[in-house]
Amino acid sequence: MVRSREKIFKEVLHLSEEERLELTGLLIESLDKSTDDNVEKSWITEVEKRIQALDSGTEKTIPWEDIKDKIFKRA
């Protein structure tokens, strides 16, 4: 039996936020057929570097509300 997109979407909404994020990533990956291994490795390296900077305290996050305020004040 083929399920409609709407029915699948409603079912997915019952997943946890983490599960929905993981599913979203998998769906996006399924669309990208032209993955360059060097680019992928570079992104992994960059993400690991940023995580290490956050964990060590050398970098700080900025709350989305602060960023949003700055963006809309410029417009």
PDB file of N, CA and C in Angstrom:
ATOM      1  N   MET A   1       0.835  -1.178   0.000  1.00  0.00           N
ATOM      2  CA  MET A   1       0.000   0.000   0.000  1.00  0.00           C
ATOM      3  C   MET A   1       0.890   1.256   0.000  1.00  0.00           C
ATOM      4  N   VAL A   2       0.591   2.194  -0.866  1.00  0.00           N
ATOM      5  CA  VAL A   2       1.339   3.437  -0.959  1.00  0.00           C
ATOM      6  C   VAL A   2       0.713   4.460  -0.015  1.00  0.00           C
ATOM      7  N   ARG A   3       1.558   5.034   0.833  1.00  0.00           N
ATOM      8  CA  ARG A   3       1.063   6.051   1.760  1.00  0.00           C
ATOM      9  C   ARG A   3       1.270   7.434   1.150  1.00  0.00           C
ATOM     10  N   SER A   4       0.378   8.328   1.398  1.00  0.00           N
ATOM     11  CA  SER A   4       0.493   9.681   0.869  1.00  0.00           C
ATOM     12  C   SER A   4       1.565  10.445   1.653  1.00  0.00           C
ATOM     13  N   ARG A   5       2.098  11.465   1.025  1.00  0.00           N
ATOM     14  CA  ARG A   5       3.094  12.325   1.694  1.00  0.00           C
ATOM     15  C   ARG A   5       2.519  12.913   2.967  1.00  0.00           C
ATOM     16  N   GLU A   6       1.283  13.329   2.911  1.00  0.00           N
ATOM     17  CA  GLU A   6       0.655  13.947   4.080  1.00  0.00           C
ATOM     18  C   GLU A   6       0.595  12.975   5.254  1.00  0.00           C
ATOM     19  N   LYS A   7       0.254  11.717   4.956  1.00  0.00           N
ATOM     20  CA  LYS A   7       0.160  10.712   6.019  1.00  0.00           C
ATOM     21  C   LYS A   7       1.545  10.425   6.601  1.00  0.00           C
ATOM     22  N   ILE A   8       2.526  10.310   5.733  1.00  0.00           N
ATOM     23  CA  ILE A   8       3.901  10.078   6.200  1.00  0.00           C
ATOM     24  C   ILE A   8       4.354  11.256   7.052  1.00  0.00           C
ATOM     25  N   PHE A   9       4.074  12.480   6.593  1.00  0.00           N
ATOM     26  CA  PHE A   9       4.461  13.670   7.348  1.00  0.00           C
ATOM     27  C   PHE A   9       3.837  13.660   8.735  1.00  0.00           C
ATOM     28  N   LYS A  10       2.567  13.337   8.821  1.00  0.00           N
ATOM     29  CA  LYS A  10       1.899  13.288  10.127  1.00  0.00           C
ATOM     30  C   LYS A  10       2.533  12.236  11.037  1.00  0.00           C
ATOM     31  N   GLU A  11       2.927  11.111  10.458  1.00  0.00           N
ATOM     32  CA  GLU A  11       3.587  10.062  11.247  1.00  0.00           C
ATOM     33  C   GLU A  11       4.952  10.533  11.743  1.00  0.00           C
ATOM     34  N   VAL A  12       5.673  11.223  10.887  1.00  0.00           N
ATOM     35  CA  VAL A  12       7.015  11.696  11.248  1.00  0.00           C
ATOM     36  C   VAL A  12       6.944  12.714  12.385  1.00  0.00           C
ATOM     37  N   LEU A  13       5.877  13.480  12.434  1.00  0.00           N
ATOM     38  CA  LEU A  13       5.731  14.470  13.510  1.00  0.00           C
ATOM     39  C   LEU A  13       5.677  13.835  14.891  1.00  0.00           C
ATOM     40  N   HIS A  14       5.394  12.550  14.954  1.00  0.00           N
ATOM     41  CA  HIS A  14       5.352  11.858  16.240  1.00  0.00           C
ATOM     42  C   HIS A  14       6.746  11.435  16.711  1.00  0.00           C
ATOM     43  N   LEU A  15       7.746  11.563  15.847  1.00  0.00           N
ATOM     44  CA  LEU A  15       9.120  11.237  16.236  1.00  0.00           C
ATOM     45  C   LEU A  15       9.665  12.338  17.133  1.00  0.00           C
ATOM     46  N   SER A  16      10.714  12.015  17.866  1.00  0.00           N
ATOM     47  CA  SER A  16      11.361  13.035  18.688  1.00  0.00           C
ATOM     48  C   SER A  16      12.072  14.040  17.783  1.00  0.00           C
ATOM     49  N   GLU A  17      12.416  15.184  18.328  1.00  0.00           N
ATOM     50  CA  GLU A  17      13.128  16.201  17.548  1.00  0.00           C
ATOM     51  C   GLU A  17      14.437  15.633  16.996  1.00  0.00           C
ATOM     52  N   GLU A  18      15.154  14.895  17.820  1.00  0.00           N
ATOM     53  CA  GLU A  18      16.418  14.298  17.386  1.00  0.00           C
ATOM     54  C   GLU A  18      16.202  13.335  16.213  1.00  0.00           C
ATOM     55  N   GLU A  19      15.155  12.525  16.304  1.00  0.00           N
ATOM     56  CA  GLU A  19      14.867  11.576  15.228  1.00  0.00           C
ATOM     57  C   GLU A  19      14.468  12.303  13.942  1.00  0.00           C
ATOM     58  N   ARG A  20      13.705  13.392  14.078  1.00  0.00           N
ATOM     59  CA  ARG A  20      13.321  14.169  12.894  1.00  0.00           C
ATOM     60  C   ARG A  20      14.531  14.833  12.259  1.00  0.00           C
ATOM     61  N   LEU A  21      15.457  15.323  13.081  1.00  0.00           N
ATOM     62  CA  LEU A  21      16.683  15.918  12.543  1.00  0.00           C
ATOM     63  C   LEU A  21      17.506  14.881  11.793  1.00  0.00           C
ATOM     64  N   GLU A  22      17.619  13.697  12.364  1.00  0.00           N
ATOM     65  CA  GLU A  22      18.368  12.622  11.708  1.00  0.00           C
ATOM     66  C   GLU A  22      17.706  12.245  10.385  1.00  0.00           C
ATOM     67  N   LEU A  23      16.401  12.120  10.383  1.00  0.00           N
ATOM     68  CA  LEU A  23      15.668  11.792   9.164  1.00  0.00           C
ATOM     69  C   LEU A  23      15.848  12.882   8.110  1.00  0.00           C
ATOM     70  N   THR A  24      15.804  14.126   8.541  1.00  0.00           N
ATOM     71  CA  THR A  24      16.014  15.249   7.623  1.00  0.00           C
ATOM     72  C   THR A  24      17.383  15.153   6.962  1.00  0.00           C
ATOM     73  N   GLY A  25      18.401  14.872   7.756  1.00  0.00           N
ATOM     74  CA  GLY A  25      19.743  14.719   7.206  1.00  0.00           C
ATOM     75  C   GLY A  25      19.819  13.594   6.191  1.00  0.00           C
ATOM     76  N   LEU A  26      19.191  12.480   6.506  1.00  0.00           N
ATOM     77  CA  LEU A  26      19.193  11.344   5.592  1.00  0.00           C
ATOM     78  C   LEU A  26      18.477  11.678   4.281  1.00  0.00           C
ATOM     79  N   LEU A  27      17.365  12.404   4.385  1.00  0.00           N
ATOM     80  CA  LEU A  27      16.635  12.795   3.174  1.00  0.00           C
ATOM     81  C   LEU A  27      17.464  13.742   2.311  1.00  0.00           C
ATOM     82  N   ILE A  28      18.118  14.702   2.941  1.00  0.00           N
ATOM     83  CA  ILE A  28      18.965  15.636   2.190  1.00  0.00           C
ATOM     84  C   ILE A  28      20.112  14.891   1.519  1.00  0.00           C
ATOM     85  N   GLU A  29      20.738  13.981   2.250  1.00  0.00           N
ATOM     86  CA  GLU A  29      21.824  13.191   1.672  1.00  0.00           C
ATOM     87  C   GLU A  29      21.339  12.379   0.480  1.00  0.00           C
ATOM     88  N   SER A  30      20.106  11.890   0.537  1.00  0.00           N
ATOM     89  CA  SER A  30      19.585  11.080  -0.562  1.00  0.00           C
ATOM     90  C   SER A  30      19.403  11.890  -1.836  1.00  0.00           C
ATOM     91  N   LEU A  31      19.306  13.211  -1.718  1.00  0.00           N
ATOM     92  CA  LEU A  31      19.141  14.080  -2.879  1.00  0.00           C
ATOM     93  C   LEU A  31      20.471  14.485  -3.494  1.00  0.00           C
ATOM     94  N   ASP A  32      21.525  14.476  -2.716  1.00  0.00           N
ATOM     95  CA  ASP A  32      22.834  14.935  -3.187  1.00  0.00           C
ATOM     96  C   ASP A  32      23.594  13.779  -3.807  1.00  0.00           C
ATOM     97  N   LYS A  33      23.520  13.680  -5.118  1.00  0.00           N
ATOM     98  CA  LYS A  33      24.173  12.579  -5.825  1.00  0.00           C
ATOM     99  C   LYS A  33      25.605  12.918  -6.223  1.00  0.00           C
ATOM    100  N   SER A  34      26.012  14.164  -6.095  1.00  0.00           N
ATOM    101  CA  SER A  34      27.327  14.583  -6.562  1.00  0.00           C
ATOM    102  C   SER A  34      28.270  14.914  -5.405  1.00  0.00           C
ATOM    103  N   THR A  35      28.365  14.040  -4.436  1.00  0.00           N
ATOM    104  CA  THR A  35      29.208  14.277  -3.274  1.00  0.00           C
ATOM    105  C   THR A  35      30.673  14.159  -3.650  1.00  0.00           C
ATOM    106  N   ASP A  36      31.426  15.176  -3.322  1.00  0.00           N
ATOM    107  CA  ASP A  36      32.869  15.190  -3.536  1.00  0.00           C
ATOM    108  C   ASP A  36      33.522  14.769  -2.218  1.00  0.00           C
ATOM    109  N   ASP A  37      34.251  13.661  -2.232  1.00  0.00           N
ATOM    110  CA  ASP A  37      34.855  13.141  -1.002  1.00  0.00           C
ATOM    111  C   ASP A  37      35.772  14.156  -0.333  1.00  0.00           C
ATOM    112  N   ASN A  38      36.510  14.946  -1.115  1.00  0.00           N
ATOM    113  CA  ASN A  38      37.402  15.947  -0.529  1.00  0.00           C
ATOM    114  C   ASN A  38      36.625  17.044   0.188  1.00  0.00           C
ATOM    115  N   VAL A  39      35.513  17.446  -0.401  1.00  0.00           N
ATOM    116  CA  VAL A  39      34.674  18.463   0.230  1.00  0.00           C
ATOM    117  C   VAL A  39      34.072  17.902   1.510  1.00  0.00           C
ATOM    118  N   GLU A  40      33.604  16.668   1.445  1.00  0.00           N
ATOM    119  CA  GLU A  40      33.008  16.021   2.619  1.00  0.00           C
ATOM    120  C   GLU A  40      34.023  15.941   3.759  1.00  0.00           C
ATOM    121  N   LYS A  41      35.254  15.529   3.449  1.00  0.00           N
ATOM    122  CA  LYS A  41      36.304  15.434   4.468  1.00  0.00           C
ATOM    123  C   LYS A  41      36.633  16.806   5.044  1.00  0.00           C
ATOM    124  N   SER A  42      36.655  17.824   4.177  1.00  0.00           N
ATOM    125  CA  SER A  42      36.940  19.185   4.642  1.00  0.00           C
ATOM    126  C   SER A  42      35.865  19.674   5.597  1.00  0.00           C
ATOM    127  N   TRP A  43      34.594  19.379   5.279  1.00  0.00           N
ATOM    128  CA  TRP A  43      33.501  19.778   6.160  1.00  0.00           C
ATOM    129  C   TRP A  43      33.598  19.061   7.503  1.00  0.00           C
ATOM    130  N   ILE A  44      33.905  17.787   7.477  1.00  0.00           N
ATOM    131  CA  ILE A  44      34.042  17.032   8.726  1.00  0.00           C
ATOM    132  C   ILE A  44      35.149  17.628   9.582  1.00  0.00           C
ATOM    133  N   THR A  45      36.280  17.948   8.954  1.00  0.00           N
ATOM    134  CA  THR A  45      37.399  18.557   9.672  1.00  0.00           C
ATOM    135  C   THR A  45      36.985  19.893  10.278  1.00  0.00           C
ATOM    136  N   GLU A  46      36.279  20.707   9.494  1.00  0.00           N
ATOM    137  CA  GLU A  46      35.845  22.015   9.975  1.00  0.00           C
ATOM    138  C   GLU A  46      34.860  21.888  11.139  1.00  0.00           C
ATOM    139  N   VAL A  47      33.916  20.990  11.028  1.00  0.00           N
ATOM    140  CA  VAL A  47      32.943  20.787  12.101  1.00  0.00           C
ATOM    141  C   VAL A  47      33.637  20.322  13.376  1.00  0.00           C
ATOM    142  N   GLU A  48      34.569  19.386  13.242  1.00  0.00           N
ATOM    143  CA  GLU A  48      35.313  18.907  14.410  1.00  0.00           C
ATOM    144  C   GLU A  48      36.101  20.032  15.056  1.00  0.00           C
ATOM    145  N   LYS A  49      36.705  20.896  14.230  1.00  0.00           N
ATOM    146  CA  LYS A  49      37.461  22.045  14.750  1.00  0.00           C
ATOM    147  C   LYS A  49      36.550  22.991  15.512  1.00  0.00           C
ATOM    148  N   ARG A  50      35.377  23.243  14.966  1.00  0.00           N
ATOM    149  CA  ARG A  50      34.438  24.153  15.629  1.00  0.00           C
ATOM    150  C   ARG A  50      33.902  23.560  16.932  1.00  0.00           C
ATOM    151  N   ILE A  51      33.621  22.271  16.932  1.00  0.00           N
ATOM    152  CA  ILE A  51      33.158  21.613  18.163  1.00  0.00           C
ATOM    153  C   ILE A  51      34.229  21.697  19.236  1.00  0.00           C
ATOM    154  N   GLN A  52      35.479  21.450  18.855  1.00  0.00           N
ATOM    155  CA  GLN A  52      36.587  21.526  19.807  1.00  0.00           C
ATOM    156  C   GLN A  52      36.715  22.941  20.374  1.00  0.00           C
ATOM    157  N   ALA A  53      36.560  23.951  19.514  1.00  0.00           N
ATOM    158  CA  ALA A  53      36.645  25.345  19.977  1.00  0.00           C
ATOM    159  C   ALA A  53      35.524  25.665  20.954  1.00  0.00           C
ATOM    160  N   LEU A  54      34.333  25.166  20.692  1.00  0.00           N
ATOM    161  CA  LEU A  54      33.218  25.387  21.618  1.00  0.00           C
ATOM    162  C   LEU A  54      33.444  24.649  22.933  1.00  0.00           C
ATOM    163  N   ASP A  55      33.884  23.391  22.834  1.00  0.00           N
ATOM    164  CA  ASP A  55      34.114  22.590  24.043  1.00  0.00           C
ATOM    165  C   ASP A  55      35.223  23.163  24.906  1.00  0.00           C
ATOM    166  N   SER A  56      36.241  23.735  24.281  1.00  0.00           N
ATOM    167  CA  SER A  56      37.375  24.271  25.035  1.00  0.00           C
ATOM    168  C   SER A  56      37.096  25.668  25.575  1.00  0.00           C
ATOM    169  N   GLY A  57      36.048  26.303  25.070  1.00  0.00           N
ATOM    170  CA  GLY A  57      35.702  27.636  25.544  1.00  0.00           C
ATOM    171  C   GLY A  57      36.388  28.754  24.777  1.00  0.00           C
ATOM    172  N   THR A  58      37.160  28.425  23.743  1.00  0.00           N
ATOM    173  CA  THR A  58      37.813  29.476  22.961  1.00  0.00           C
ATOM    174  C   THR A  58      36.841  30.188  22.034  1.00  0.00           C
ATOM    175  N   GLU A  59      35.712  29.580  21.761  1.00  0.00           N
ATOM    176  CA  GLU A  59      34.656  30.198  20.963  1.00  0.00           C
ATOM    177  C   GLU A  59      33.346  30.110  21.746  1.00  0.00           C
ATOM    178  N   LYS A  60      32.508  31.091  21.549  1.00  0.00           N
ATOM    179  CA  LYS A  60      31.210  31.133  22.215  1.00  0.00           C
ATOM    180  C   LYS A  60      30.108  31.183  21.171  1.00  0.00           C
ATOM    181  N   THR A  61      28.966  30.664  21.530  1.00  0.00           N
ATOM    182  CA  THR A  61      27.821  30.752  20.629  1.00  0.00           C
ATOM    183  C   THR A  61      27.111  32.089  20.842  1.00  0.00           C
ATOM    184  N   ILE A  62      26.342  32.468  19.846  1.00  0.00           N
ATOM    185  CA  ILE A  62      25.543  33.686  19.925  1.00  0.00           C
ATOM    186  C   ILE A  62      24.086  33.262  19.806  1.00  0.00           C
ATOM    187  N   PRO A  63      23.256  33.662  20.741  1.00  0.00           N
ATOM    188  CA  PRO A  63      21.847  33.268  20.687  1.00  0.00           C
ATOM    189  C   PRO A  63      21.178  33.747  19.394  1.00  0.00           C
ATOM    190  N   TRP A  64      20.301  32.920  18.834  1.00  0.00           N
ATOM    191  CA  TRP A  64      19.607  33.241  17.595  1.00  0.00           C
ATOM    192  C   TRP A  64      18.864  34.566  17.703  1.00  0.00           C
ATOM    193  N   GLU A  65      18.272  34.847  18.838  1.00  0.00           N
ATOM    194  CA  GLU A  65      17.522  36.094  18.994  1.00  0.00           C
ATOM    195  C   GLU A  65      18.431  37.303  18.786  1.00  0.00           C
ATOM    196  N   ASP A  66      19.680  37.249  19.274  1.00  0.00           N
ATOM    197  CA  ASP A  66      20.626  38.351  19.083  1.00  0.00           C
ATOM    198  C   ASP A  66      20.973  38.527  17.605  1.00  0.00           C
ATOM    199  N   ILE A  67      21.215  37.421  16.929  1.00  0.00           N
ATOM    200  CA  ILE A  67      21.550  37.467  15.506  1.00  0.00           C
ATOM    201  C   ILE A  67      20.367  38.008  14.714  1.00  0.00           C
ATOM    202  N   LYS A  68      19.178  37.494  15.008  1.00  0.00           N
ATOM    203  CA  LYS A  68      17.966  37.930  14.302  1.00  0.00           C
ATOM    204  C   LYS A  68      17.758  39.438  14.490  1.00  0.00           C
ATOM    205  N   ASP A  69      17.974  39.942  15.697  1.00  0.00           N
ATOM    206  CA  ASP A  69      17.821  41.370  15.953  1.00  0.00           C
ATOM    207  C   ASP A  69      18.791  42.184  15.101  1.00  0.00           C
ATOM    208  N   LYS A  70      20.039  41.720  15.012  1.00  0.00           N
ATOM    209  CA  LYS A  70      21.037  42.432  14.205  1.00  0.00           C
ATOM    210  C   LYS A  70      20.661  42.417  12.728  1.00  0.00           C
ATOM    211  N   ILE A  71      20.175  41.295  12.243  1.00  0.00           N
ATOM    212  CA  ILE A  71      19.798  41.177  10.827  1.00  0.00           C
ATOM    213  C   ILE A  71      18.661  42.151  10.512  1.00  0.00           C
ATOM    214  N   PHE A  72      17.624  42.147  11.336  1.00  0.00           N
ATOM    215  CA  PHE A  72      16.449  42.950  11.031  1.00  0.00           C
ATOM    216  C   PHE A  72      16.670  44.435  11.307  1.00  0.00           C
ATOM    217  N   LYS A  73      17.639  44.790  12.140  1.00  0.00           N
ATOM    218  CA  LYS A  73      17.946  46.207  12.355  1.00  0.00           C
ATOM    219  C   LYS A  73      18.637  46.794  11.136  1.00  0.00           C
ATOM    220  N   ARG A  74      19.376  45.952  10.383  1.00  0.00           N
ATOM    221  CA  ARG A  74      20.055  46.444   9.168  1.00  0.00           C
ATOM    222  C   ARG A  74      19.087  46.651   8.012  1.00  0.00           C
ATOM    223  N   ALA A  75      18.016  45.878   8.007  1.00  0.00           N
ATOM    224  CA  ALA A  75      17.092  45.930   6.850  1.00  0.00           C
ATOM    225  C   ALA A  75      16.272  47.186   6.803  1.00  0.00           C
TER     226      ALA A  75
END
